[in-house]
Amino acid sequence: MKTVIDLFPGAGGFSEGFRQAGFKIILGIDKEPRMLSAYRANHPGTEVWERDVLTVDPNELPDADVIVGSPPCQDFSTASSKKNPE
């Protein structure tokens, strides 16, 4: 079975898509506890690291066939409610 590591998984949409396609999700990494709470609920049994991905040494990661990531984009989105983004 092919394996996946999900960076910035949020509630786990990418993980769910890969799961439905027959992949095994082996790890989710996010620094936001609120997001990981939802991820854990949606993907029980998947290992989770609560930390900033910038602090992860690639050598720490388990072997995986796919690494997927969807970093937060609120600060860059035109849908943002910020009137004066910097």
PDB file of N, CA and C in Angstrom:
ATOM      1  N   MET A   1       0.844  -1.181   0.000  1.00  0.00           N
ATOM      2  CA  MET A   1       0.000   0.000   0.000  1.00  0.00           C
ATOM      3  C   MET A   1       0.891   1.247   0.000  1.00  0.00           C
ATOM      4  N   LYS A   2       0.583   2.197  -0.836  1.00  0.00           N
ATOM      5  CA  LYS A   2       1.320   3.463  -0.896  1.00  0.00           C
ATOM      6  C   LYS A   2       1.004   4.289   0.352  1.00  0.00           C
ATOM      7  N   THR A   3       1.989   5.080   0.803  1.00  0.00           N
ATOM      8  CA  THR A   3       1.844   5.844   2.041  1.00  0.00           C
ATOM      9  C   THR A   3       1.963   7.342   1.795  1.00  0.00           C
ATOM     10  N   VAL A   4       1.360   8.121   2.714  1.00  0.00           N
ATOM     11  CA  VAL A   4       1.302   9.581   2.577  1.00  0.00           C
ATOM     12  C   VAL A   4       1.636  10.249   3.903  1.00  0.00           C
ATOM     13  N   ILE A   5       2.389  11.341   3.828  1.00  0.00           N
ATOM     14  CA  ILE A   5       2.576  12.277   4.935  1.00  0.00           C
ATOM     15  C   ILE A   5       1.863  13.556   4.533  1.00  0.00           C
ATOM     16  N   ASP A   6       1.048  14.093   5.447  1.00  0.00           N
ATOM     17  CA  ASP A   6       0.257  15.298   5.169  1.00  0.00           C
ATOM     18  C   ASP A   6       0.780  16.457   6.016  1.00  0.00           C
ATOM     19  N   LEU A   7       1.303  17.483   5.346  1.00  0.00           N
ATOM     20  CA  LEU A   7       1.779  18.691   6.023  1.00  0.00           C
ATOM     21  C   LEU A   7       0.668  19.729   6.013  1.00  0.00           C
ATOM     22  N   PHE A   8       0.486  20.427   7.115  1.00  0.00           N
ATOM     23  CA  PHE A   8      -0.596  21.414   7.264  1.00  0.00           C
ATOM     24  C   PHE A   8      -1.945  20.758   6.941  1.00  0.00           C
ATOM     25  N   PRO A   9      -2.299  19.659   7.601  1.00  0.00           N
ATOM     26  CA  PRO A   9      -3.472  18.898   7.161  1.00  0.00           C
ATOM     27  C   PRO A   9      -4.825  19.531   7.454  1.00  0.00           C
ATOM     28  N   GLY A  10      -4.870  20.543   8.324  1.00  0.00           N
ATOM     29  CA  GLY A  10      -6.182  21.091   8.664  1.00  0.00           C
ATOM     30  C   GLY A  10      -7.060  19.985   9.204  1.00  0.00           C
ATOM     31  N   ALA A  11      -8.280  19.895   8.729  1.00  0.00           N
ATOM     32  CA  ALA A  11      -9.193  18.839   9.174  1.00  0.00           C
ATOM     33  C   ALA A  11      -8.938  17.521   8.448  1.00  0.00           C
ATOM     34  N   GLY A  12      -8.098  17.541   7.412  1.00  0.00           N
ATOM     35  CA  GLY A  12      -7.705  16.299   6.759  1.00  0.00           C
ATOM     36  C   GLY A  12      -8.332  16.014   5.416  1.00  0.00           C
ATOM     37  N   GLY A  13      -8.684  17.037   4.674  1.00  0.00           N
ATOM     38  CA  GLY A  13      -9.302  16.836   3.362  1.00  0.00           C
ATOM     39  C   GLY A  13      -8.409  16.102   2.378  1.00  0.00           C
ATOM     40  N   PHE A  14      -7.146  16.531   2.261  1.00  0.00           N
ATOM     41  CA  PHE A  14      -6.221  15.828   1.365  1.00  0.00           C
ATOM     42  C   PHE A  14      -6.024  14.389   1.832  1.00  0.00           C
ATOM     43  N   SER A  15      -5.854  14.211   3.139  1.00  0.00           N
ATOM     44  CA  SER A  15      -5.678  12.856   3.669  1.00  0.00           C
ATOM     45  C   SER A  15      -6.867  11.974   3.319  1.00  0.00           C
ATOM     46  N   GLU A  16      -8.060  12.516   3.450  1.00  0.00           N
ATOM     47  CA  GLU A  16      -9.257  11.732   3.145  1.00  0.00           C
ATOM     48  C   GLU A  16      -9.302  11.342   1.671  1.00  0.00           C
ATOM     49  N   GLY A  17      -8.952  12.264   0.805  1.00  0.00           N
ATOM     50  CA  GLY A  17      -8.919  11.945  -0.624  1.00  0.00           C
ATOM     51  C   GLY A  17      -7.923  10.844  -0.934  1.00  0.00           C
ATOM     52  N   PHE A  18      -6.736  10.940  -0.346  1.00  0.00           N
ATOM     53  CA  PHE A  18      -5.736   9.891  -0.551  1.00  0.00           C
ATOM     54  C   PHE A  18      -6.209   8.568   0.047  1.00  0.00           C
ATOM     55  N   ARG A  19      -6.837   8.615   1.228  1.00  0.00           N
ATOM     56  CA  ARG A  19      -7.348   7.392   1.852  1.00  0.00           C
ATOM     57  C   ARG A  19      -8.364   6.713   0.938  1.00  0.00           C
ATOM     58  N   GLN A  20      -9.273   7.512   0.390  1.00  0.00           N
ATOM     59  CA  GLN A  20     -10.292   6.949  -0.495  1.00  0.00           C
ATOM     60  C   GLN A  20      -9.687   6.385  -1.781  1.00  0.00           C
ATOM     61  N   ALA A  21      -8.517   6.899  -2.153  1.00  0.00           N
ATOM     62  CA  ALA A  21      -7.826   6.400  -3.350  1.00  0.00           C
ATOM     63  C   ALA A  21      -6.948   5.181  -3.044  1.00  0.00           C
ATOM     64  N   GLY A  22      -6.987   4.721  -1.791  1.00  0.00           N
ATOM     65  CA  GLY A  22      -6.263   3.508  -1.447  1.00  0.00           C
ATOM     66  C   GLY A  22      -4.917   3.696  -0.781  1.00  0.00           C
ATOM     67  N   PHE A  23      -4.583   4.923  -0.397  1.00  0.00           N
ATOM     68  CA  PHE A  23      -3.320   5.197   0.277  1.00  0.00           C
ATOM     69  C   PHE A  23      -3.490   5.066   1.788  1.00  0.00           C
ATOM     70  N   LYS A  24      -2.381   4.818   2.483  1.00  0.00           N
ATOM     71  CA  LYS A  24      -2.370   4.813   3.944  1.00  0.00           C
ATOM     72  C   LYS A  24      -1.719   6.111   4.412  1.00  0.00           C
ATOM     73  N   ILE A  25      -2.428   6.871   5.236  1.00  0.00           N
ATOM     74  CA  ILE A  25      -1.890   8.121   5.775  1.00  0.00           C
ATOM     75  C   ILE A  25      -1.093   7.761   7.020  1.00  0.00           C
ATOM     76  N   ILE A  26       0.206   8.037   7.001  1.00  0.00           N
ATOM     77  CA  ILE A  26       1.050   7.614   8.114  1.00  0.00           C
ATOM     78  C   ILE A  26       1.412   8.740   9.070  1.00  0.00           C
ATOM     79  N   LEU A  27       1.222  10.010   8.652  1.00  0.00           N
ATOM     80  CA  LEU A  27       1.623  11.112   9.521  1.00  0.00           C
ATOM     81  C   LEU A  27       0.969  12.408   9.076  1.00  0.00           C
ATOM     82  N   GLY A  28       0.508  13.185  10.048  1.00  0.00           N
ATOM     83  CA  GLY A  28       0.041  14.549   9.813  1.00  0.00           C
ATOM     84  C   GLY A  28       0.841  15.489  10.695  1.00  0.00           C
ATOM     85  N   ILE A  29       1.294  16.614  10.150  1.00  0.00           N
ATOM     86  CA  ILE A  29       2.101  17.571  10.917  1.00  0.00           C
ATOM     87  C   ILE A  29       1.484  18.955  10.796  1.00  0.00           C
ATOM     88  N   ASP A  30       1.160  19.552  11.950  1.00  0.00           N
ATOM     89  CA  ASP A  30       0.600  20.906  11.973  1.00  0.00           C
ATOM     90  C   ASP A  30       0.924  21.524  13.325  1.00  0.00           C
ATOM     91  N   LYS A  31       1.106  22.824  13.366  1.00  0.00           N
ATOM     92  CA  LYS A  31       1.410  23.478  14.639  1.00  0.00           C
ATOM     93  C   LYS A  31       0.159  23.981  15.356  1.00  0.00           C
ATOM     94  N   GLU A  32      -0.991  23.906  14.721  1.00  0.00           N
ATOM     95  CA  GLU A  32      -2.223  24.443  15.295  1.00  0.00           C
ATOM     96  C   GLU A  32      -3.013  23.355  16.020  1.00  0.00           C
ATOM     97  N   PRO A  33      -3.078  23.417  17.360  1.00  0.00           N
ATOM     98  CA  PRO A  33      -3.801  22.391  18.118  1.00  0.00           C
ATOM     99  C   PRO A  33      -5.265  22.253  17.701  1.00  0.00           C
ATOM    100  N   ARG A  34      -5.911  23.356  17.381  1.00  0.00           N
ATOM    101  CA  ARG A  34      -7.324  23.315  16.986  1.00  0.00           C
ATOM    102  C   ARG A  34      -7.500  22.511  15.697  1.00  0.00           C
ATOM    103  N   MET A  35      -6.600  22.711  14.759  1.00  0.00           N
ATOM    104  CA  MET A  35      -6.662  21.958  13.505  1.00  0.00           C
ATOM    105  C   MET A  35      -6.382  20.475  13.750  1.00  0.00           C
ATOM    106  N   LEU A  36      -5.410  20.199  14.594  1.00  0.00           N
ATOM    107  CA  LEU A  36      -5.063  18.805  14.852  1.00  0.00           C
ATOM    108  C   LEU A  36      -6.165  18.067  15.598  1.00  0.00           C
ATOM    109  N   SER A  37      -6.929  18.777  16.392  1.00  0.00           N
ATOM    110  CA  SER A  37      -8.064  18.155  17.074  1.00  0.00           C
ATOM    111  C   SER A  37      -9.056  17.614  16.041  1.00  0.00           C
ATOM    112  N   ALA A  38      -9.353  18.420  15.038  1.00  0.00           N
ATOM    113  CA  ALA A  38     -10.256  17.981  13.964  1.00  0.00           C
ATOM    114  C   ALA A  38      -9.610  16.864  13.148  1.00  0.00           C
ATOM    115  N   TYR A  39      -8.319  16.995  12.877  1.00  0.00           N
ATOM    116  CA  TYR A  39      -7.619  15.970  12.096  1.00  0.00           C
ATOM    117  C   TYR A  39      -7.657  14.620  12.807  1.00  0.00           C
ATOM    118  N   ARG A  40      -7.371  14.649  14.113  1.00  0.00           N
ATOM    119  CA  ARG A  40      -7.397  13.398  14.889  1.00  0.00           C
ATOM    120  C   ARG A  40      -8.784  12.761  14.857  1.00  0.00           C
ATOM    121  N   ALA A  41      -9.818  13.586  14.955  1.00  0.00           N
ATOM    122  CA  ALA A  41     -11.189  13.064  14.922  1.00  0.00           C
ATOM    123  C   ALA A  41     -11.508  12.436  13.565  1.00  0.00           C
ATOM    124  N   ASN A  42     -11.004  13.039  12.500  1.00  0.00           N
ATOM    125  CA  ASN A  42     -11.291  12.545  11.148  1.00  0.00           C
ATOM    126  C   ASN A  42     -10.371  11.411  10.701  1.00  0.00           C
ATOM    127  N   HIS A  43      -9.213  11.305  11.336  1.00  0.00           N
ATOM    128  CA  HIS A  43      -8.226  10.291  10.936  1.00  0.00           C
ATOM    129  C   HIS A  43      -7.654   9.582  12.161  1.00  0.00           C
ATOM    130  N   PRO A  44      -8.529   8.910  12.921  1.00  0.00           N
ATOM    131  CA  PRO A  44      -8.042   8.209  14.116  1.00  0.00           C
ATOM    132  C   PRO A  44      -7.012   7.149  13.729  1.00  0.00           C
ATOM    133  N   GLY A  45      -6.015   7.019  14.567  1.00  0.00           N
ATOM    134  CA  GLY A  45      -4.981   6.025  14.299  1.00  0.00           C
ATOM    135  C   GLY A  45      -3.809   6.547  13.493  1.00  0.00           C
ATOM    136  N   THR A  46      -3.948   7.738  12.913  1.00  0.00           N
ATOM    137  CA  THR A  46      -2.842   8.338  12.167  1.00  0.00           C
ATOM    138  C   THR A  46      -1.926   9.060  13.146  1.00  0.00           C
ATOM    139  N   GLU A  47      -0.628   8.856  13.022  1.00  0.00           N
ATOM    140  CA  GLU A  47       0.330   9.557  13.870  1.00  0.00           C
ATOM    141  C   GLU A  47       0.260  11.052  13.573  1.00  0.00           C
ATOM    142  N   VAL A  48       0.351  11.864  14.639  1.00  0.00           N
ATOM    143  CA  VAL A  48       0.260  13.316  14.500  1.00  0.00           C
ATOM    144  C   VAL A  48       1.420  13.961  15.249  1.00  0.00           C
ATOM    145  N   TRP A  49       2.059  14.923  14.587  1.00  0.00           N
ATOM    146  CA  TRP A  49       3.087  15.721  15.244  1.00  0.00           C
ATOM    147  C   TRP A  49       2.571  17.143  15.353  1.00  0.00           C
ATOM    148  N   GLU A  50       2.487  17.655  16.574  1.00  0.00           N
ATOM    149  CA  GLU A  50       2.072  19.043  16.792  1.00  0.00           C
ATOM    150  C   GLU A  50       3.326  19.903  16.856  1.00  0.00           C
ATOM    151  N   ARG A  51       3.703  20.416  15.695  1.00  0.00           N
ATOM    152  CA  ARG A  51       4.885  21.278  15.624  1.00  0.00           C
ATOM    153  C   ARG A  51       4.918  21.997  14.286  1.00  0.00           C
ATOM    154  N   ASP A  52       5.720  23.031  14.240  1.00  0.00           N
ATOM    155  CA  ASP A  52       5.909  23.805  13.017  1.00  0.00           C
ATOM    156  C   ASP A  52       6.726  22.961  12.037  1.00  0.00           C
ATOM    157  N   VAL A  53       6.250  22.820  10.822  1.00  0.00           N
ATOM    158  CA  VAL A  53       6.975  21.992   9.848  1.00  0.00           C
ATOM    159  C   VAL A  53       8.373  22.544   9.564  1.00  0.00           C
ATOM    160  N   LEU A  54       8.595  23.826   9.814  1.00  0.00           N
ATOM    161  CA  LEU A  54       9.925  24.402   9.593  1.00  0.00           C
ATOM    162  C   LEU A  54      10.952  23.860  10.583  1.00  0.00           C
ATOM    163  N   THR A  55      10.486  23.249  11.674  1.00  0.00           N
ATOM    164  CA  THR A  55      11.405  22.681  12.666  1.00  0.00           C
ATOM    165  C   THR A  55      11.665  21.197  12.426  1.00  0.00           C
ATOM    166  N   VAL A  56      11.045  20.633  11.413  1.00  0.00           N
ATOM    167  CA  VAL A  56      11.191  19.201  11.140  1.00  0.00           C
ATOM    168  C   VAL A  56      12.397  18.967  10.230  1.00  0.00           C
ATOM    169  N   ASP A  57      13.310  18.149  10.708  1.00  0.00           N
ATOM    170  CA  ASP A  57      14.435  17.721   9.881  1.00  0.00           C
ATOM    171  C   ASP A  57      13.908  16.621   8.955  1.00  0.00           C
ATOM    172  N   PRO A  58      14.103  16.745   7.658  1.00  0.00           N
ATOM    173  CA  PRO A  58      13.600  15.716   6.739  1.00  0.00           C
ATOM    174  C   PRO A  58      14.038  14.299   7.110  1.00  0.00           C
ATOM    175  N   ASN A  59      15.185  14.181   7.777  1.00  0.00           N
ATOM    176  CA  ASN A  59      15.666  12.862   8.190  1.00  0.00           C
ATOM    177  C   ASN A  59      14.813  12.249   9.296  1.00  0.00           C
ATOM    178  N   GLU A  60      13.992  13.073   9.971  1.00  0.00           N
ATOM    179  CA  GLU A  60      13.090  12.574  11.015  1.00  0.00           C
ATOM    180  C   GLU A  60      11.861  11.892  10.426  1.00  0.00           C
ATOM    181  N   LEU A  61      11.535  12.244   9.202  1.00  0.00           N
ATOM    182  CA  LEU A  61      10.295  11.749   8.602  1.00  0.00           C
ATOM    183  C   LEU A  61      10.388  10.266   8.268  1.00  0.00           C
ATOM    184  N   PRO A  62       9.294   9.553   8.506  1.00  0.00           N
ATOM    185  CA  PRO A  62       9.279   8.158   8.066  1.00  0.00           C
ATOM    186  C   PRO A  62       9.253   8.100   6.538  1.00  0.00           C
ATOM    187  N   ASP A  63       9.668   6.991   5.991  1.00  0.00           N
ATOM    188  CA  ASP A  63       9.599   6.818   4.535  1.00  0.00           C
ATOM    189  C   ASP A  63       8.149   6.892   4.084  1.00  0.00           C
ATOM    190  N   ALA A  64       7.911   7.615   3.004  1.00  0.00           N
ATOM    191  CA  ALA A  64       6.559   7.748   2.448  1.00  0.00           C
ATOM    192  C   ALA A  64       6.663   7.841   0.933  1.00  0.00           C
ATOM    193  N   ASP A  65       5.623   7.402   0.278  1.00  0.00           N
ATOM    194  CA  ASP A  65       5.563   7.497  -1.180  1.00  0.00           C
ATOM    195  C   ASP A  65       5.170   8.896  -1.636  1.00  0.00           C
ATOM    196  N   VAL A  66       4.363   9.586  -0.809  1.00  0.00           N
ATOM    197  CA  VAL A  66       3.860  10.918  -1.162  1.00  0.00           C
ATOM    198  C   VAL A  66       3.949  11.818   0.064  1.00  0.00           C
ATOM    199  N   ILE A  67       4.382  13.053  -0.148  1.00  0.00           N
ATOM    200  CA  ILE A  67       4.259  14.100   0.866  1.00  0.00           C
ATOM    201  C   ILE A  67       3.403  15.185   0.245  1.00  0.00           C
ATOM    202  N   VAL A  68       2.268  15.460   0.882  1.00  0.00           N
ATOM    203  CA  VAL A  68       1.341  16.466   0.371  1.00  0.00           C
ATOM    204  C   VAL A  68       1.279  17.605   1.388  1.00  0.00           C
ATOM    205  N   GLY A  69       1.099  18.822   0.904  1.00  0.00           N
ATOM    206  CA  GLY A  69       1.001  19.959   1.814  1.00  0.00           C
ATOM    207  C   GLY A  69       0.082  21.029   1.279  1.00  0.00           C
ATOM    208  N   SER A  70      -0.641  21.626   2.180  1.00  0.00           N
ATOM    209  CA  SER A  70      -1.523  22.739   1.838  1.00  0.00           C
ATOM    210  C   SER A  70      -1.342  23.819   2.896  1.00  0.00           C
ATOM    211  N   PRO A  71      -0.263  24.618   2.771  1.00  0.00           N
ATOM    212  CA  PRO A  71       0.020  25.609   3.804  1.00  0.00           C
ATOM    213  C   PRO A  71      -1.074  26.664   3.898  1.00  0.00           C
ATOM    214  N   PRO A  72      -1.232  27.238   5.087  1.00  0.00           N
ATOM    215  CA  PRO A  72      -2.238  28.287   5.270  1.00  0.00           C
ATOM    216  C   PRO A  72      -2.003  29.442   4.297  1.00  0.00           C
ATOM    217  N   CYS A  73      -3.088  29.973   3.753  1.00  0.00           N
ATOM    218  CA  CYS A  73      -2.951  31.049   2.767  1.00  0.00           C
ATOM    219  C   CYS A  73      -3.800  32.267   3.121  1.00  0.00           C
ATOM    220  N   GLN A  74      -4.358  32.311   4.324  1.00  0.00           N
ATOM    221  CA  GLN A  74      -5.262  33.398   4.675  1.00  0.00           C
ATOM    222  C   GLN A  74      -4.634  34.780   4.474  1.00  0.00           C
ATOM    223  N   ASP A  75      -3.370  34.911   4.791  1.00  0.00           N
ATOM    224  CA  ASP A  75      -2.719  36.215   4.653  1.00  0.00           C
ATOM    225  C   ASP A  75      -2.535  36.640   3.199  1.00  0.00           C
ATOM    226  N   PHE A  76      -2.670  35.718   2.267  1.00  0.00           N
ATOM    227  CA  PHE A  76      -2.460  36.025   0.858  1.00  0.00           C
ATOM    228  C   PHE A  76      -3.731  35.939   0.025  1.00  0.00           C
ATOM    229  N   SER A  77      -4.791  35.458   0.624  1.00  0.00           N
ATOM    230  CA  SER A  77      -6.035  35.226  -0.098  1.00  0.00           C
ATOM    231  C   SER A  77      -6.790  36.522  -0.360  1.00  0.00           C
ATOM    232  N   THR A  78      -7.383  36.635  -1.542  1.00  0.00           N
ATOM    233  CA  THR A  78      -8.229  37.792  -1.834  1.00  0.00           C
ATOM    234  C   THR A  78      -9.546  37.695  -1.085  1.00  0.00           C
ATOM    235  N   ALA A  79      -9.845  36.533  -0.530  1.00  0.00           N
ATOM    236  CA  ALA A  79     -11.060  36.355   0.266  1.00  0.00           C
ATOM    237  C   ALA A  79     -10.843  36.764   1.718  1.00  0.00           C
ATOM    238  N   SER A  80      -9.623  37.149   2.060  1.00  0.00           N
ATOM    239  CA  SER A  80      -9.305  37.535   3.427  1.00  0.00           C
ATOM    240  C   SER A  80     -10.113  38.750   3.845  1.00  0.00           C
ATOM    241  N   SER A  81     -10.472  38.780   5.117  1.00  0.00           N
ATOM    242  CA  SER A  81     -11.232  39.921   5.629  1.00  0.00           C
ATOM    243  C   SER A  81     -10.326  41.079   6.025  1.00  0.00           C
ATOM    244  N   LYS A  82      -9.016  40.909   5.914  1.00  0.00           N
ATOM    245  CA  LYS A  82      -8.090  41.990   6.256  1.00  0.00           C
ATOM    246  C   LYS A  82      -8.187  43.089   5.213  1.00  0.00           C
ATOM    247  N   LYS A  83      -8.302  44.317   5.683  1.00  0.00           N
ATOM    248  CA  LYS A  83      -8.425  45.437   4.746  1.00  0.00           C
ATOM    249  C   LYS A  83      -7.071  45.945   4.278  1.00  0.00           C
ATOM    250  N   ASN A  84      -6.045  45.806   5.109  1.00  0.00           N
ATOM    251  CA  ASN A  84      -4.720  46.321   4.769  1.00  0.00           C
ATOM    252  C   ASN A  84      -3.656  45.252   4.990  1.00  0.00           C
ATOM    253  N   PRO A  85      -3.674  44.177   4.209  1.00  0.00           N
ATOM    254  CA  PRO A  85      -2.646  43.147   4.406  1.00  0.00           C
ATOM    255  C   PRO A  85      -1.268  43.692   4.057  1.00  0.00           C
ATOM    256  N   GLU A  86      -0.266  43.245   4.794  1.00  0.00           N
ATOM    257  CA  GLU A  86       1.103  43.697   4.542  1.00  0.00           C
ATOM    258  C   GLU A  86       1.887  42.639   3.828  1.00  0.00           C
TER     259      GLU A  86
END
